[in-house]
Amino acid sequence: MNGLFKLLWDRVDENARRAVDVYISEVPDFRSVAEDERARASMLDFAVRLRRREAELAADGAPFTDRDLAMLTAFGEERGGQGVSLMSRGRVLDLHDVLTLREIHEAAGLNEVDHVTEMIGWLPANGLAGQNAYTRGFLNGHQRSQSFVKRVQDLAATLLADISVASGLPERLGMRLADRYVITVVRVTGGPLPNGRGREEIVGALLKSHQVPMTWREPDELVAVLPCGDVAAAEEHALCLVRDFARMVGRPCAAGAAAGQARALRDTVALARRISRVAPVDTVPRRVHVMADVFVELGVAELPQADEWLRGLARRLAGGPDLVATLDAYYQHDMNRLHTAGALRIHPRTLDYRLRRARELVEMDPGSLQGVRVLSAVVTHVLAGRWS
């Protein structure tokens, strides 16, 4: 062994210590594990052994042996068994790649071009084989240490963070990956929510009927990640899931959804969350709202002056008999008088009186173009609880 490979070998201990320090600094799960001195020593031992083997094998142009891969699998299983999350696993593998390239760069001199080329050529196939072995072990340990619900939530969090999913994980959970997803965010109102254990039980119950990744993202928010071959079918599935969830928590809910490509879901879930924040709240949601349903409300939420103007109109409507509920039904039934009156269980003349009263209070006809655009936004904001 000579040249670059000898330099890498000589720096193994120094590079391994630095790598462990980086993992502990950058990955909270590893920081928690490293509080145990034996666990930290195991991390360092692994970092040293891996770097030695990489230098040895790359110098000979040889692949990892079965024994090497078994070592990687064992260390992966140890980490998975310690409760390290899937996201942390992916983060550490990414950090290892970055640190490996840095170590090569630091060790290489001006005369080491050939060896650098050999090392860079050795890394892709062998690095992938090593990562796969580590991940197989990790999933075994993760399955042993974490509940099914926790692993499903880890999968959802990984997808929503745009991190590569560990190979084999979806199959172990009885799920499938997709190129496109409908992200559904359910906002819960109306009182305290279950604690952590209660939430896990709710997710577990939902998973019996809806085998899709889902997780709690906020104390008042459930996020479901639905594979989307057909948007309409995915949105229908989302509505079934939302209604089941609302019945389980026994609290009024509002749901927002947005479709997006895999590995680009950060913006998608952010949009779905914003939609859920302006969507109407209901005991059992009638629909999962999408951008087309609330684009006016989303825009108004960013403009305080418009929001205050609409709030003033809402205050005027509060002076009439059930005017917000009447306008909601009126717009839900495409301004059909008979259907609206039937849904409200009132006489059509009573409906006419209420619509006339609304026109008098806000000085615009609910059935006019202006009325539809403005008053439907007022109704949606009121039902979403934005001004309560």
Protein backbone atom coordinates (compact mmCIF):
# COMPACT_ATOMS: atom_id res chain seq x y z
CA MET A 1 0.00 0.00 0.00
CA ASN A 2 1.44 3.36 -0.98
CA GLY A 3 0.59 6.88 -2.09
CA LEU A 4 -2.95 8.04 -1.38
CA PHE A 5 -4.01 4.71 0.08
CA LYS A 6 -1.15 4.78 2.62
CA LEU A 7 -2.04 8.35 3.58
CA LEU A 8 -5.69 7.39 4.08
CA TRP A 9 -4.61 4.41 6.19
CA ASP A 10 -2.38 6.61 8.37
CA ARG A 11 -5.23 9.08 8.93
CA VAL A 12 -7.89 6.48 9.77
CA ASP A 13 -8.06 7.24 13.50
CA GLU A 14 -8.14 11.00 13.01
CA ASN A 15 -10.76 10.83 10.25
CA ALA A 16 -12.91 8.36 12.19
CA ARG A 17 -12.98 10.58 15.28
CA ARG A 18 -13.92 13.58 13.19
CA ALA A 19 -16.68 11.60 11.47
CA VAL A 20 -18.22 10.54 14.77
CA ASP A 21 -18.06 14.12 16.04
CA VAL A 22 -19.87 15.28 12.88
CA TYR A 23 -22.58 12.61 13.22
CA ILE A 24 -23.19 13.55 16.84
CA SER A 25 -23.24 17.25 16.03
CA GLU A 26 -25.50 17.01 12.98
CA VAL A 27 -27.89 14.16 13.85
CA PRO A 28 -29.89 14.41 17.11
CA ASP A 29 -30.62 10.65 17.19
CA PHE A 30 -26.91 9.88 17.10
CA ARG A 31 -26.29 12.50 19.76
CA SER A 32 -28.78 10.75 22.04
CA VAL A 33 -27.25 7.33 21.40
CA ALA A 34 -23.73 8.67 22.00
CA GLU A 35 -24.65 9.70 25.56
CA ASP A 36 -23.87 6.06 26.35
CA GLU A 37 -20.07 5.76 26.33
CA ARG A 38 -20.16 2.19 25.04
CA ALA A 39 -22.43 3.19 22.17
CA ARG A 40 -20.10 6.06 21.28
CA ALA A 41 -17.12 3.70 21.40
CA SER A 42 -18.98 1.36 19.06
CA MET A 43 -19.55 4.21 16.61
CA LEU A 44 -15.86 5.02 16.63
CA ASP A 45 -14.89 1.37 16.22
CA PHE A 46 -17.15 1.09 13.19
CA ALA A 47 -15.80 4.30 11.64
CA VAL A 48 -12.22 3.06 12.06
CA ARG A 49 -12.86 -0.45 10.70
CA LEU A 50 -14.80 0.84 7.71
CA ARG A 51 -12.08 3.29 6.69
CA ARG A 52 -9.35 0.70 7.03
CA ARG A 53 -11.18 -1.74 4.81
CA GLU A 54 -11.97 0.94 2.25
CA ALA A 55 -8.30 1.91 1.99
CA GLU A 56 -7.16 -1.74 1.79
CA LEU A 57 -9.70 -2.85 -0.77
CA ALA A 58 -9.47 0.26 -2.95
CA ALA A 59 -5.67 -0.16 -3.07
CA ASP A 60 -6.15 -3.69 -4.44
CA GLY A 61 -9.17 -2.80 -6.56
CA ALA A 62 -11.12 -5.49 -4.68
CA PRO A 63 -14.80 -5.39 -3.64
CA PHE A 64 -16.20 -5.77 -0.15
CA THR A 65 -16.13 -9.40 0.94
CA ASP A 66 -19.07 -11.25 2.42
CA ARG A 67 -17.46 -10.81 5.80
CA ASP A 68 -17.20 -7.05 5.25
CA LEU A 69 -20.85 -6.82 4.26
CA ALA A 70 -21.83 -8.89 7.30
CA MET A 71 -19.95 -6.38 9.48
CA LEU A 72 -21.84 -3.48 7.87
CA THR A 73 -25.14 -5.29 8.35
CA ALA A 74 -24.37 -5.90 12.03
CA PHE A 75 -23.53 -2.26 12.69
CA GLY A 76 -26.65 -1.17 10.82
CA GLU A 77 -28.78 -3.51 12.93
CA GLU A 78 -27.22 -2.08 16.08
CA ARG A 79 -28.20 1.47 15.06
CA GLY A 80 -31.72 0.46 14.07
CA GLY A 81 -32.14 -1.34 17.38
CA GLN A 82 -31.11 1.81 19.25
CA GLY A 83 -34.13 3.71 17.91
CA VAL A 84 -32.35 5.81 15.30
CA SER A 85 -34.95 7.07 12.83
CA LEU A 86 -35.07 6.42 9.11
CA MET A 87 -34.38 10.08 8.41
CA SER A 88 -31.31 9.95 10.63
CA ARG A 89 -30.11 6.83 8.82
CA GLY A 90 -30.34 8.65 5.51
CA ARG A 91 -28.66 11.74 6.92
CA VAL A 92 -25.71 9.76 8.28
CA LEU A 93 -25.19 7.93 4.99
CA ASP A 94 -25.15 11.27 3.18
CA LEU A 95 -22.67 12.67 5.69
CA HIS A 96 -20.44 9.62 5.26
CA ASP A 97 -20.32 10.22 1.48
CA VAL A 98 -19.38 13.87 1.98
CA LEU A 99 -16.73 13.06 4.59
CA THR A 100 -15.21 10.34 2.41
CA LEU A 101 -14.72 12.79 -0.46
CA ARG A 102 -13.26 15.36 1.93
CA GLU A 103 -10.81 12.81 3.34
CA ILE A 104 -9.65 11.88 -0.17
CA HIS A 105 -9.22 15.53 -1.09
CA GLU A 106 -7.23 16.27 2.08
CA ALA A 107 -4.95 13.27 1.63
CA ALA A 108 -4.31 13.65 -2.09
CA GLY A 109 -1.21 15.51 -3.17
CA LEU A 110 -0.38 16.95 -6.57
CA ASN A 111 1.19 13.63 -7.57
CA GLU A 112 -1.70 11.39 -6.52
CA VAL A 113 -3.95 11.83 -9.56
CA ASP A 114 -3.81 8.15 -10.54
CA HIS A 115 -4.65 6.94 -7.05
CA VAL A 116 -7.44 9.48 -6.69
CA THR A 117 -8.92 8.22 -9.95
CA GLU A 118 -8.69 4.64 -8.70
CA MET A 119 -10.33 5.52 -5.39
CA ILE A 120 -13.13 7.50 -7.02
CA GLY A 121 -13.69 4.63 -9.45
CA TRP A 122 -13.85 2.11 -6.58
CA LEU A 123 -16.37 4.04 -4.49
CA PRO A 124 -19.69 4.01 -6.44
CA ALA A 125 -20.37 0.27 -6.71
CA ASN A 126 -18.76 -0.64 -3.39
CA GLY A 127 -20.27 2.32 -1.58
CA LEU A 128 -23.71 1.28 -2.77
CA ALA A 129 -23.12 -2.34 -1.75
CA GLY A 130 -22.01 -1.15 1.69
CA GLN A 131 -25.00 1.14 2.12
CA ASN A 132 -27.39 -1.63 1.11
CA ALA A 133 -25.84 -4.02 3.64
CA TYR A 134 -25.99 -1.38 6.38
CA THR A 135 -29.61 -0.57 5.51
CA ARG A 136 -30.69 -4.22 5.58
CA GLY A 137 -29.35 -4.52 9.07
CA PHE A 138 -30.80 -1.18 10.09
CA LEU A 139 -34.30 -2.22 9.00
CA ASN A 140 -34.00 -5.46 10.96
CA GLY A 141 -33.04 -3.56 14.10
CA HIS A 142 -35.63 -0.87 13.47
CA GLN A 143 -38.37 -3.47 13.08
CA ARG A 144 -37.35 -5.09 16.36
CA SER A 145 -37.18 -1.84 18.35
CA GLN A 146 -40.06 0.20 16.89
CA SER A 147 -43.80 -0.44 16.62
CA PHE A 148 -45.49 -0.82 13.25
CA VAL A 149 -47.18 2.58 13.68
CA LYS A 150 -43.88 4.29 14.52
CA ARG A 151 -42.24 2.79 11.42
CA VAL A 152 -45.12 3.95 9.23
CA GLN A 153 -44.80 7.47 10.65
CA ASP A 154 -41.06 7.34 9.99
CA LEU A 155 -41.77 6.41 6.38
CA ALA A 156 -44.19 9.32 6.04
CA ALA A 157 -41.69 11.74 7.57
CA THR A 158 -38.99 10.49 5.20
CA LEU A 159 -41.20 11.02 2.15
CA LEU A 160 -42.25 14.48 3.30
CA ALA A 161 -38.63 15.47 3.87
CA ASP A 162 -37.71 14.44 0.30
CA ILE A 163 -35.20 11.88 1.57
CA SER A 164 -34.59 8.59 -0.25
CA VAL A 165 -36.61 5.78 1.28
CA ALA A 166 -34.64 2.79 2.53
CA SER A 167 -34.87 -0.04 0.02
CA GLY A 168 -37.23 -2.75 1.24
CA LEU A 169 -38.99 -0.65 3.88
CA PRO A 170 -42.32 -0.09 2.06
CA GLU A 171 -42.61 -3.83 1.34
CA ARG A 172 -42.03 -4.65 5.00
CA LEU A 173 -44.91 -2.31 5.87
CA GLY A 174 -47.24 -3.65 3.17
CA MET A 175 -47.13 -0.36 1.26
CA ARG A 176 -45.92 0.85 -2.11
CA LEU A 177 -44.03 3.87 -3.31
CA ALA A 178 -45.29 6.07 -6.14
CA ASP A 179 -44.00 8.76 -8.46
CA ARG A 180 -46.76 11.14 -7.40
CA TYR A 181 -48.72 11.66 -4.17
CA VAL A 182 -51.73 13.53 -2.85
CA ILE A 183 -50.71 15.03 0.48
CA THR A 184 -53.67 15.51 2.81
CA VAL A 185 -53.45 17.63 5.95
CA VAL A 186 -56.25 17.37 8.52
CA ARG A 187 -56.52 20.24 10.99
CA VAL A 188 -58.30 19.44 14.25
CA THR A 189 -60.16 22.03 16.35
CA GLY A 190 -62.52 22.03 19.27
CA GLY A 191 -60.57 20.85 22.27
CA PRO A 192 -57.57 18.94 23.60
CA LEU A 193 -56.20 16.16 21.45
CA PRO A 194 -55.04 12.74 22.62
CA ASN A 195 -51.51 12.48 24.01
CA GLY A 196 -48.69 10.73 22.19
CA ARG A 197 -49.89 7.24 23.02
CA GLY A 198 -53.46 8.11 22.07
CA ARG A 199 -52.31 9.49 18.74
CA GLU A 200 -50.41 6.31 17.99
CA GLU A 201 -53.57 4.30 18.68
CA ILE A 202 -55.56 6.52 16.30
CA VAL A 203 -52.99 6.13 13.53
CA GLY A 204 -52.95 2.38 14.16
CA ALA A 205 -56.72 2.21 13.82
CA LEU A 206 -56.64 4.23 10.61
CA LEU A 207 -53.96 1.97 9.15
CA LYS A 208 -56.30 -1.02 9.39
CA SER A 209 -58.47 0.55 6.69
CA HIS A 210 -56.05 2.93 4.97
CA GLN A 211 -52.63 1.42 4.30
CA VAL A 212 -50.81 4.64 3.40
CA PRO A 213 -48.01 6.53 5.16
CA MET A 214 -49.33 9.03 7.72
CA THR A 215 -48.01 10.94 10.69
CA TRP A 216 -48.76 13.67 13.22
CA ARG A 217 -46.82 16.79 12.19
CA GLU A 218 -48.23 19.25 14.71
CA PRO A 219 -50.29 18.77 17.90
CA ASP A 220 -53.44 19.55 15.92
CA GLU A 221 -52.53 18.10 12.54
CA LEU A 222 -52.48 14.70 10.82
CA VAL A 223 -50.72 14.32 7.46
CA ALA A 224 -51.47 11.42 5.08
CA VAL A 225 -49.34 10.59 2.02
CA LEU A 226 -51.56 8.90 -0.58
CA PRO A 227 -50.06 7.33 -3.73
CA CYS A 228 -51.64 9.01 -6.73
CA GLY A 229 -52.16 7.11 -9.95
CA ASP A 230 -55.43 8.95 -10.50
CA VAL A 231 -55.95 12.28 -8.73
CA ALA A 232 -59.75 11.90 -8.41
CA ALA A 233 -59.43 8.41 -6.91
CA ALA A 234 -56.72 9.58 -4.51
CA GLU A 235 -58.84 12.54 -3.38
CA GLU A 236 -61.83 10.22 -2.84
CA HIS A 237 -59.63 7.93 -0.75
CA ALA A 238 -58.40 10.98 1.16
CA LEU A 239 -61.98 12.00 1.99
CA CYS A 240 -62.75 8.52 3.37
CA LEU A 241 -59.62 8.68 5.52
CA VAL A 242 -60.44 12.19 6.77
CA ARG A 243 -63.98 11.21 7.73
CA ASP A 244 -62.77 8.11 9.59
CA PHE A 245 -60.21 10.25 11.40
CA ALA A 246 -62.81 12.89 12.36
CA ARG A 247 -65.05 10.21 13.86
CA MET A 248 -62.16 8.77 15.85
CA VAL A 249 -60.98 12.05 17.38
CA GLY A 250 -64.51 13.34 17.91
CA ARG A 251 -63.45 16.88 17.04
CA PRO A 252 -64.39 19.23 14.18
CA CYS A 253 -61.84 19.04 11.36
CA ALA A 254 -60.82 20.80 8.17
CA ALA A 255 -58.87 19.09 5.41
CA GLY A 256 -56.63 20.44 2.67
CA ALA A 257 -54.86 18.50 -0.08
CA ALA A 258 -52.29 19.08 -2.81
CA ALA A 259 -50.67 16.78 -5.36
CA GLY A 260 -46.93 16.64 -5.91
CA GLN A 261 -44.05 14.60 -7.26
CA ALA A 262 -42.00 12.24 -5.10
CA ARG A 263 -38.75 13.79 -3.85
CA ALA A 264 -40.40 17.23 -4.15
CA LEU A 265 -43.05 17.07 -1.43
CA ARG A 266 -41.82 19.80 0.94
CA ASP A 267 -43.67 22.51 -0.97
CA THR A 268 -46.65 20.19 -1.50
CA VAL A 269 -47.21 19.56 2.20
CA ALA A 270 -46.71 23.28 2.93
CA LEU A 271 -49.46 24.12 0.43
CA ALA A 272 -51.79 21.42 1.80
CA ARG A 273 -51.24 22.82 5.29
CA ARG A 274 -52.08 26.35 4.17
CA ILE A 275 -55.24 25.08 2.47
CA SER A 276 -56.29 23.25 5.65
CA ARG A 277 -55.86 26.49 7.62
CA VAL A 278 -58.43 28.36 5.52
CA ALA A 279 -60.75 25.41 4.74
CA PRO A 280 -64.13 25.22 6.49
CA VAL A 281 -64.32 23.19 9.69
CA ASP A 282 -66.99 20.51 10.02
CA THR A 283 -67.83 17.70 12.44
CA VAL A 284 -67.52 15.25 9.55
CA PRO A 285 -65.84 17.04 6.62
CA ARG A 286 -67.92 17.09 3.44
CA ARG A 287 -64.86 17.34 1.21
CA VAL A 288 -61.11 17.60 1.12
CA HIS A 289 -60.39 21.10 -0.13
CA VAL A 290 -57.82 21.78 -2.85
CA MET A 291 -56.34 24.95 -4.31
CA ALA A 292 -59.29 25.50 -6.68
CA ASP A 293 -61.68 25.61 -3.71
CA VAL A 294 -59.91 28.22 -1.61
CA PHE A 295 -57.47 30.14 -3.81
CA VAL A 296 -59.27 33.40 -2.97
CA GLU A 297 -59.03 32.71 0.75
CA LEU A 298 -55.34 31.83 0.45
CA GLY A 299 -54.68 35.15 -1.25
CA VAL A 300 -56.71 37.12 1.25
CA ALA A 301 -54.82 35.52 4.14
CA GLU A 302 -51.66 37.23 2.83
CA LEU A 303 -53.30 40.67 2.63
CA PRO A 304 -54.35 42.07 6.05
CA GLN A 305 -56.42 44.90 4.56
CA ALA A 306 -58.56 42.50 2.51
CA ASP A 307 -58.88 40.18 5.51
CA GLU A 308 -60.15 43.03 7.69
CA TRP A 309 -62.63 44.12 4.99
CA LEU A 310 -64.07 40.62 4.74
CA ARG A 311 -64.22 40.39 8.52
CA GLY A 312 -66.34 43.55 8.54
CA LEU A 313 -68.78 41.95 6.09
CA ALA A 314 -68.94 38.87 8.31
CA ARG A 315 -69.86 41.07 11.27
CA ARG A 316 -72.73 42.54 9.24
CA LEU A 317 -73.99 39.09 8.27
CA ALA A 318 -74.04 38.13 11.94
CA GLY A 319 -76.99 40.49 12.32
CA GLY A 320 -79.27 38.31 10.17
CA PRO A 321 -80.99 34.95 10.77
CA ASP A 322 -78.47 32.15 9.98
CA LEU A 323 -77.15 34.06 7.01
CA VAL A 324 -73.70 32.42 6.90
CA ALA A 325 -75.20 28.92 6.95
CA THR A 326 -77.74 29.99 4.35
CA LEU A 327 -75.10 31.41 2.01
CA ASP A 328 -72.94 28.32 2.50
CA ALA A 329 -75.81 26.06 1.42
CA TYR A 330 -76.69 28.45 -1.42
CA TYR A 331 -73.19 28.26 -2.89
CA GLN A 332 -72.81 24.54 -2.16
CA HIS A 333 -75.90 23.94 -4.33
CA ASP A 334 -74.76 26.21 -7.16
CA MET A 335 -77.32 28.89 -6.19
CA ASN A 336 -80.27 26.60 -6.97
CA ARG A 337 -83.14 27.93 -4.82
CA LEU A 338 -85.12 24.71 -4.53
CA HIS A 339 -82.11 22.52 -3.72
CA THR A 340 -80.84 25.07 -1.22
CA ALA A 341 -84.20 25.39 0.52
CA GLY A 342 -84.50 21.59 0.65
CA ALA A 343 -81.05 21.22 2.19
CA LEU A 344 -81.87 23.87 4.80
CA ARG A 345 -85.38 22.46 5.35
CA ILE A 346 -86.98 25.85 4.90
CA HIS A 347 -89.57 27.23 2.48
CA PRO A 348 -88.15 28.82 -0.72
CA ARG A 349 -89.77 32.10 0.32
CA THR A 350 -87.85 31.97 3.61
CA LEU A 351 -84.69 31.47 1.58
CA ASP A 352 -85.58 34.48 -0.57
CA TYR A 353 -86.07 36.58 2.56
CA ARG A 354 -82.65 35.58 3.91
CA LEU A 355 -80.89 36.30 0.63
CA ARG A 356 -82.62 39.67 0.47
CA ARG A 357 -81.58 40.37 4.06
CA ALA A 358 -77.95 39.50 3.22
CA ARG A 359 -78.09 41.86 0.23
CA GLU A 360 -79.35 44.68 2.46
CA LEU A 361 -76.65 44.12 5.10
CA VAL A 362 -73.61 43.90 2.80
CA GLU A 363 -74.97 45.96 -0.08
CA MET A 364 -74.32 43.36 -2.75
CA ASP A 365 -76.48 40.64 -4.30
CA PRO A 366 -75.35 37.13 -3.17
CA GLY A 367 -76.20 35.84 -6.65
CA SER A 368 -74.22 38.45 -8.58
CA LEU A 369 -70.67 37.92 -9.82
CA GLN A 370 -69.37 40.25 -7.14
CA GLY A 371 -71.51 38.60 -4.49
CA VAL A 372 -70.30 35.10 -5.32
CA ARG A 373 -66.65 36.13 -5.32
CA VAL A 374 -66.81 38.13 -2.10
CA LEU A 375 -69.43 36.41 0.05
CA SER A 376 -68.21 32.87 -0.69
CA ALA A 377 -64.82 33.99 0.69
CA VAL A 378 -66.52 35.46 3.77
CA VAL A 379 -68.43 32.22 4.36
CA THR A 380 -65.32 30.09 3.99
CA HIS A 381 -63.33 32.24 6.42
CA VAL A 382 -66.13 32.14 9.00
CA LEU A 383 -66.52 28.36 8.74
CA ALA A 384 -62.74 27.91 8.93
CA GLY A 385 -62.80 29.68 12.30
CA ARG A 386 -60.26 32.29 11.22
CA TRP A 387 -62.02 35.10 13.04
CA SER A 388 -63.28 33.23 16.11
